[in-house]
Amino acid sequence: MKTIMSALIASLLVGALAPTAAEAQACLRQNMVNGWKVVNDQTLIVTDRVGHQYTVALQKGCTGLKWPLRLGFTSSSGFGLSCITRNDFVFVPAQPGTVSQRCLINSVQPYGMPLPGTAAMNSAH
């Protein structure tokens, strides 16, 4: 009886703590960044190592992001397993003729989902 009860409790705990497939896909992890495309100085399309893409919206203030050879992503928790979220940073190293930048992240969404605050603009057509 104790064995069955222990197994039941363990399975409930694992089920409660394990993310669903949708949650796992919706998380851009710091240690999984594999590449990016710069849309403009406030928008990046970031691809992770398993091919999922995310739209990373940056606060205004970063400039000249068109051709960065390297970017660094940091999560507020500081661990590679953490999701990159609002108020984390993208670091842009200095390149010839530029200075390094620390760009504040406004949002991270799975690619193709509307960015926060844009739904009203898109429906006004």
N, C-alpha and C. Protein backbone atom coordinates (compact mmCIF):
# COMPACT_ATOMS: atom_id res chain seq x y z
N MET A 1 0.82 -1.19 0.00
CA MET A 1 0.00 0.00 0.00
C MET A 1 0.87 1.26 0.00
N LYS A 2 1.94 1.23 0.82
CA LYS A 2 2.84 2.39 0.85
C LYS A 2 3.51 2.59 -0.50
N THR A 3 3.87 1.52 -1.18
CA THR A 3 4.53 1.62 -2.48
C THR A 3 3.60 2.25 -3.50
N ILE A 4 2.35 1.83 -3.51
CA ILE A 4 1.37 2.40 -4.45
C ILE A 4 1.15 3.87 -4.16
N MET A 5 1.02 4.20 -2.88
CA MET A 5 0.81 5.59 -2.49
C MET A 5 2.02 6.45 -2.85
N SER A 6 3.22 5.95 -2.63
CA SER A 6 4.44 6.69 -2.98
C SER A 6 4.53 6.91 -4.48
N ALA A 7 4.20 5.88 -5.25
CA ALA A 7 4.24 6.00 -6.71
C ALA A 7 3.21 7.01 -7.19
N LEU A 8 2.04 7.00 -6.60
CA LEU A 8 0.99 7.96 -6.97
C LEU A 8 1.42 9.38 -6.67
N ILE A 9 1.97 9.61 -5.50
CA ILE A 9 2.42 10.95 -5.12
C ILE A 9 3.56 11.41 -6.04
N ALA A 10 4.50 10.50 -6.34
CA ALA A 10 5.61 10.85 -7.22
C ALA A 10 5.12 11.22 -8.61
N SER A 11 4.17 10.46 -9.14
CA SER A 11 3.66 10.77 -10.48
C SER A 11 2.90 12.08 -10.50
N LEU A 12 2.17 12.39 -9.43
CA LEU A 12 1.47 13.67 -9.36
C LEU A 12 2.45 14.83 -9.31
N LEU A 13 3.52 14.69 -8.53
CA LEU A 13 4.52 15.75 -8.44
C LEU A 13 5.23 15.96 -9.77
N VAL A 14 5.61 14.89 -10.44
CA VAL A 14 6.28 15.02 -11.73
C VAL A 14 5.35 15.67 -12.74
N GLY A 15 4.09 15.27 -12.75
CA GLY A 15 3.12 15.86 -13.67
C GLY A 15 2.90 17.33 -13.40
N ALA A 16 2.92 17.72 -12.15
CA ALA A 16 2.70 19.13 -11.80
C ALA A 16 3.91 19.99 -12.15
N LEU A 17 5.09 19.42 -12.05
CA LEU A 17 6.30 20.20 -12.29
C LEU A 17 6.75 20.17 -13.74
N ALA A 18 6.41 19.14 -14.49
CA ALA A 18 6.87 19.03 -15.87
C ALA A 18 6.08 19.96 -16.77
N PRO A 19 6.76 20.76 -17.61
CA PRO A 19 6.03 21.65 -18.51
C PRO A 19 5.36 20.86 -19.62
N THR A 20 4.25 21.38 -20.09
CA THR A 20 3.60 20.76 -21.23
C THR A 20 4.42 21.06 -22.48
N ALA A 21 4.12 20.39 -23.57
CA ALA A 21 4.86 20.62 -24.81
C ALA A 21 4.71 22.06 -25.27
N ALA A 22 3.51 22.63 -25.11
CA ALA A 22 3.28 24.03 -25.52
C ALA A 22 4.11 24.99 -24.68
N GLU A 23 4.21 24.72 -23.36
CA GLU A 23 5.00 25.60 -22.50
C GLU A 23 6.48 25.49 -22.84
N ALA A 24 6.95 24.27 -23.10
CA ALA A 24 8.36 24.09 -23.43
C ALA A 24 8.70 24.79 -24.75
N GLN A 25 7.81 24.73 -25.71
CA GLN A 25 8.05 25.37 -27.00
C GLN A 25 8.00 26.89 -26.87
N ALA A 26 7.18 27.41 -25.96
CA ALA A 26 7.00 28.84 -25.82
C ALA A 26 8.12 29.50 -25.01
N CYS A 27 9.15 28.75 -24.69
CA CYS A 27 10.22 29.28 -23.86
C CYS A 27 11.52 29.33 -24.64
N LEU A 28 12.02 30.52 -24.89
CA LEU A 28 13.34 30.69 -25.49
C LEU A 28 14.35 30.66 -24.37
N ARG A 29 15.12 29.59 -24.32
CA ARG A 29 16.11 29.44 -23.25
C ARG A 29 17.44 30.06 -23.69
N GLN A 30 18.09 30.65 -22.73
CA GLN A 30 19.35 31.35 -22.95
C GLN A 30 20.41 30.43 -23.56
N ASN A 31 20.47 29.19 -23.13
CA ASN A 31 21.50 28.28 -23.62
C ASN A 31 21.11 27.57 -24.91
N MET A 32 19.94 27.89 -25.47
CA MET A 32 19.47 27.23 -26.69
C MET A 32 19.48 28.15 -27.91
N VAL A 33 19.89 29.40 -27.76
CA VAL A 33 19.91 30.33 -28.89
C VAL A 33 20.89 29.83 -29.94
N ASN A 34 20.42 29.74 -31.18
CA ASN A 34 21.25 29.20 -32.25
C ASN A 34 21.49 30.22 -33.36
N GLY A 35 20.63 31.20 -33.51
CA GLY A 35 20.80 32.20 -34.55
C GLY A 35 19.71 33.25 -34.45
N TRP A 36 19.83 34.27 -35.28
CA TRP A 36 18.87 35.36 -35.26
C TRP A 36 18.87 36.09 -36.58
N LYS A 37 17.78 36.81 -36.79
CA LYS A 37 17.65 37.70 -37.94
C LYS A 37 17.20 39.04 -37.37
N VAL A 38 17.87 40.10 -37.77
CA VAL A 38 17.50 41.43 -37.32
C VAL A 38 16.44 41.97 -38.28
N VAL A 39 15.24 42.23 -37.77
CA VAL A 39 14.19 42.83 -38.57
C VAL A 39 14.39 44.33 -38.60
N ASN A 40 14.59 44.92 -37.43
CA ASN A 40 14.91 46.34 -37.27
C ASN A 40 15.53 46.51 -35.89
N ASP A 41 15.78 47.75 -35.48
CA ASP A 41 16.46 47.98 -34.20
C ASP A 41 15.63 47.60 -32.98
N GLN A 42 14.35 47.28 -33.17
CA GLN A 42 13.51 46.88 -32.04
C GLN A 42 12.98 45.45 -32.17
N THR A 43 13.34 44.72 -33.22
CA THR A 43 12.77 43.38 -33.42
C THR A 43 13.81 42.40 -33.93
N LEU A 44 13.92 41.27 -33.26
CA LEU A 44 14.77 40.16 -33.68
C LEU A 44 13.89 38.92 -33.85
N ILE A 45 14.22 38.09 -34.83
CA ILE A 45 13.63 36.76 -34.94
C ILE A 45 14.75 35.81 -34.52
N VAL A 46 14.57 35.13 -33.39
CA VAL A 46 15.61 34.28 -32.83
C VAL A 46 15.21 32.82 -33.00
N THR A 47 16.17 32.01 -33.45
CA THR A 47 15.94 30.58 -33.64
C THR A 47 16.72 29.81 -32.58
N ASP A 48 16.06 28.80 -31.99
CA ASP A 48 16.77 27.98 -31.01
C ASP A 48 17.33 26.73 -31.68
N ARG A 49 18.02 25.91 -30.92
CA ARG A 49 18.72 24.75 -31.46
C ARG A 49 17.81 23.67 -32.01
N VAL A 50 16.53 23.70 -31.65
CA VAL A 50 15.60 22.69 -32.19
C VAL A 50 14.71 23.26 -33.28
N GLY A 51 15.01 24.49 -33.72
CA GLY A 51 14.32 25.08 -34.86
C GLY A 51 13.12 25.93 -34.53
N HIS A 52 12.76 26.09 -33.26
CA HIS A 52 11.66 26.98 -32.91
C HIS A 52 12.12 28.43 -33.06
N GLN A 53 11.21 29.27 -33.54
CA GLN A 53 11.55 30.69 -33.71
C GLN A 53 10.72 31.54 -32.77
N TYR A 54 11.31 32.66 -32.36
CA TYR A 54 10.68 33.58 -31.41
C TYR A 54 10.89 35.01 -31.89
N THR A 55 9.89 35.83 -31.70
CA THR A 55 10.02 37.26 -31.94
C THR A 55 10.45 37.90 -30.63
N VAL A 56 11.59 38.56 -30.65
CA VAL A 56 12.10 39.25 -29.46
C VAL A 56 11.97 40.74 -29.74
N ALA A 57 11.10 41.40 -28.98
CA ALA A 57 10.88 42.84 -29.13
C ALA A 57 11.75 43.57 -28.11
N LEU A 58 12.51 44.56 -28.59
CA LEU A 58 13.41 45.32 -27.74
C LEU A 58 12.84 46.71 -27.48
N GLN A 59 13.17 47.26 -26.32
CA GLN A 59 12.81 48.64 -26.02
C GLN A 59 13.57 49.56 -26.98
N LYS A 60 13.03 50.72 -27.23
CA LYS A 60 13.73 51.69 -28.08
C LYS A 60 15.03 52.11 -27.40
N GLY A 61 16.02 52.41 -28.21
CA GLY A 61 17.29 52.87 -27.67
C GLY A 61 18.49 52.15 -28.26
N CYS A 62 18.30 50.95 -28.75
CA CYS A 62 19.40 50.24 -29.42
C CYS A 62 19.43 50.66 -30.88
N THR A 63 20.63 50.85 -31.39
CA THR A 63 20.76 51.32 -32.77
C THR A 63 21.79 50.49 -33.53
N GLY A 64 21.66 50.48 -34.83
CA GLY A 64 22.64 49.85 -35.69
C GLY A 64 22.73 48.34 -35.53
N LEU A 65 21.61 47.68 -35.31
CA LEU A 65 21.64 46.23 -35.11
C LEU A 65 21.59 45.44 -36.42
N LYS A 66 21.65 46.10 -37.54
CA LYS A 66 21.44 45.42 -38.82
C LYS A 66 22.39 44.26 -39.06
N TRP A 67 23.64 44.34 -38.70
CA TRP A 67 24.61 43.30 -39.03
C TRP A 67 25.42 42.79 -37.84
N PRO A 68 24.82 42.49 -36.70
CA PRO A 68 25.65 42.01 -35.58
C PRO A 68 26.15 40.60 -35.84
N LEU A 69 27.46 40.39 -35.66
CA LEU A 69 28.03 39.06 -35.83
C LEU A 69 27.81 38.20 -34.60
N ARG A 70 27.67 38.85 -33.46
CA ARG A 70 27.44 38.14 -32.21
C ARG A 70 26.40 38.89 -31.39
N LEU A 71 25.61 38.15 -30.66
CA LEU A 71 24.70 38.71 -29.68
C LEU A 71 24.78 37.84 -28.44
N GLY A 72 24.57 38.45 -27.29
CA GLY A 72 24.51 37.69 -26.04
C GLY A 72 23.15 37.88 -25.42
N PHE A 73 22.58 36.82 -24.93
CA PHE A 73 21.28 36.88 -24.28
C PHE A 73 21.46 36.54 -22.82
N THR A 74 20.86 37.33 -21.95
CA THR A 74 20.99 37.06 -20.53
C THR A 74 19.61 37.05 -19.89
N SER A 75 19.43 36.09 -18.99
CA SER A 75 18.18 35.97 -18.25
C SER A 75 18.41 36.52 -16.85
N SER A 76 17.37 37.06 -16.26
CA SER A 76 17.51 37.67 -14.94
C SER A 76 17.96 36.67 -13.88
N SER A 77 17.66 35.39 -14.08
CA SER A 77 18.09 34.40 -13.09
C SER A 77 19.56 34.02 -13.28
N GLY A 78 20.11 34.29 -14.48
CA GLY A 78 21.52 34.02 -14.71
C GLY A 78 21.87 32.60 -15.07
N PHE A 79 20.88 31.72 -15.17
CA PHE A 79 21.16 30.32 -15.53
C PHE A 79 20.72 30.06 -16.96
N GLY A 80 21.46 29.24 -17.68
CA GLY A 80 21.17 28.93 -19.07
C GLY A 80 19.85 28.24 -19.30
N LEU A 81 19.31 27.59 -18.28
CA LEU A 81 18.04 26.87 -18.43
C LEU A 81 16.84 27.79 -18.30
N SER A 82 17.05 29.02 -17.91
CA SER A 82 15.95 29.96 -17.69
C SER A 82 15.41 30.48 -19.01
N CYS A 83 14.13 30.79 -19.00
CA CYS A 83 13.50 31.41 -20.17
C CYS A 83 13.92 32.87 -20.25
N ILE A 84 14.13 33.35 -21.45
CA ILE A 84 14.40 34.76 -21.67
C ILE A 84 13.05 35.45 -21.71
N THR A 85 12.88 36.49 -20.91
CA THR A 85 11.58 37.15 -20.78
C THR A 85 11.76 38.67 -20.76
N ARG A 86 10.64 39.36 -20.59
CA ARG A 86 10.63 40.81 -20.46
C ARG A 86 11.62 41.24 -19.37
N ASN A 87 12.31 42.32 -19.63
CA ASN A 87 13.29 42.93 -18.72
C ASN A 87 14.61 42.17 -18.65
N ASP A 88 14.81 41.15 -19.49
CA ASP A 88 16.13 40.56 -19.66
C ASP A 88 16.86 41.40 -20.72
N PHE A 89 18.07 41.01 -21.08
CA PHE A 89 18.87 41.85 -21.97
C PHE A 89 19.46 41.07 -23.14
N VAL A 90 19.66 41.80 -24.24
CA VAL A 90 20.46 41.34 -25.36
C VAL A 90 21.70 42.22 -25.35
N PHE A 91 22.87 41.58 -25.35
CA PHE A 91 24.12 42.32 -25.40
C PHE A 91 24.65 42.31 -26.82
N VAL A 92 24.97 43.49 -27.32
CA VAL A 92 25.51 43.64 -28.67
C VAL A 92 26.95 44.12 -28.51
N PRO A 93 27.93 43.25 -28.81
CA PRO A 93 29.33 43.66 -28.67
C PRO A 93 29.69 44.78 -29.64
N ALA A 94 30.69 45.54 -29.27
CA ALA A 94 31.17 46.61 -30.14
C ALA A 94 31.69 46.02 -31.44
N GLN A 95 31.41 46.70 -32.54
CA GLN A 95 31.92 46.34 -33.85
C GLN A 95 32.67 47.57 -34.37
N PRO A 96 33.43 47.43 -35.44
CA PRO A 96 34.15 48.60 -35.94
C PRO A 96 33.21 49.79 -36.15
N GLY A 97 33.52 50.88 -35.50
CA GLY A 97 32.73 52.09 -35.64
C GLY A 97 31.52 52.16 -34.72
N THR A 98 31.34 51.18 -33.84
CA THR A 98 30.19 51.21 -32.92
C THR A 98 30.66 50.96 -31.50
N VAL A 99 29.78 51.16 -30.57
CA VAL A 99 30.04 50.85 -29.16
C VAL A 99 29.16 49.67 -28.77
N SER A 100 29.54 48.98 -27.71
CA SER A 100 28.70 47.87 -27.25
C SER A 100 27.40 48.43 -26.68
N GLN A 101 26.36 47.60 -26.74
CA GLN A 101 25.04 48.02 -26.28
C GLN A 101 24.42 46.93 -25.41
N ARG A 102 23.60 47.35 -24.51
CA ARG A 102 22.82 46.45 -23.67
C ARG A 102 21.36 46.82 -23.93
N CYS A 103 20.65 45.96 -24.65
CA CYS A 103 19.29 46.25 -25.10
C CYS A 103 18.27 45.54 -24.21
N LEU A 104 17.35 46.29 -23.65
CA LEU A 104 16.32 45.74 -22.78
C LEU A 104 15.25 45.04 -23.61
N ILE A 105 14.90 43.83 -23.22
CA ILE A 105 13.87 43.07 -23.92
C ILE A 105 12.49 43.47 -23.41
N ASN A 106 11.61 43.79 -24.36
CA ASN A 106 10.23 44.15 -24.04
C ASN A 106 9.34 42.92 -23.97
N SER A 107 9.53 41.97 -24.92
CA SER A 107 8.73 40.74 -24.91
C SER A 107 9.39 39.67 -25.74
N VAL A 108 9.02 38.42 -25.47
CA VAL A 108 9.45 37.26 -26.24
C VAL A 108 8.20 36.44 -26.53
N GLN A 109 7.93 36.25 -27.81
CA GLN A 109 6.73 35.50 -28.24
C GLN A 109 7.13 34.46 -29.26
N PRO A 110 6.44 33.33 -29.29
CA PRO A 110 6.67 32.41 -30.41
C PRO A 110 6.44 33.15 -31.72
N TYR A 111 7.30 32.91 -32.71
CA TYR A 111 7.23 33.61 -33.99
C TYR A 111 5.87 33.40 -34.63
N GLY A 112 5.30 34.48 -35.14
CA GLY A 112 4.00 34.43 -35.79
C GLY A 112 2.88 34.92 -34.90
N MET A 113 3.11 34.99 -33.58
CA MET A 113 2.09 35.53 -32.68
C MET A 113 2.21 37.05 -32.67
N PRO A 114 1.08 37.77 -32.56
CA PRO A 114 1.17 39.23 -32.51
C PRO A 114 1.89 39.70 -31.26
N LEU A 115 2.67 40.75 -31.42
CA LEU A 115 3.36 41.35 -30.28
C LEU A 115 2.34 42.06 -29.40
N PRO A 116 2.59 42.15 -28.09
CA PRO A 116 1.67 42.87 -27.21
C PRO A 116 1.47 44.31 -27.69
N GLY A 117 0.22 44.75 -27.74
CA GLY A 117 -0.09 46.11 -28.14
C GLY A 117 -0.26 46.30 -29.64
N THR A 118 -0.03 45.26 -30.45
CA THR A 118 -0.17 45.44 -31.89
C THR A 118 -1.50 44.91 -32.42
N ALA A 119 -2.24 44.16 -31.63
CA ALA A 119 -3.50 43.60 -32.11
C ALA A 119 -4.49 44.73 -32.46
N ALA A 120 -4.54 45.75 -31.64
CA ALA A 120 -5.46 46.86 -31.90
C ALA A 120 -5.05 47.61 -33.16
N MET A 121 -3.75 47.77 -33.39
CA MET A 121 -3.29 48.47 -34.60
C MET A 121 -3.62 47.66 -35.84
N ASN A 122 -3.46 46.33 -35.78
CA ASN A 122 -3.71 45.49 -36.93
C ASN A 122 -5.18 45.37 -37.26
N SER A 123 -6.06 45.49 -36.27
CA SER A 123 -7.49 45.35 -36.53
C SER A 123 -8.13 46.66 -36.95
N ALA A 124 -7.40 47.75 -36.94
CA ALA A 124 -7.96 49.06 -37.26
C ALA A 124 -8.04 49.32 -38.77
N HIS A 125 -7.58 48.39 -39.60
CA HIS A 125 -7.56 48.58 -41.06
C HIS A 125 -8.93 48.65 -41.61
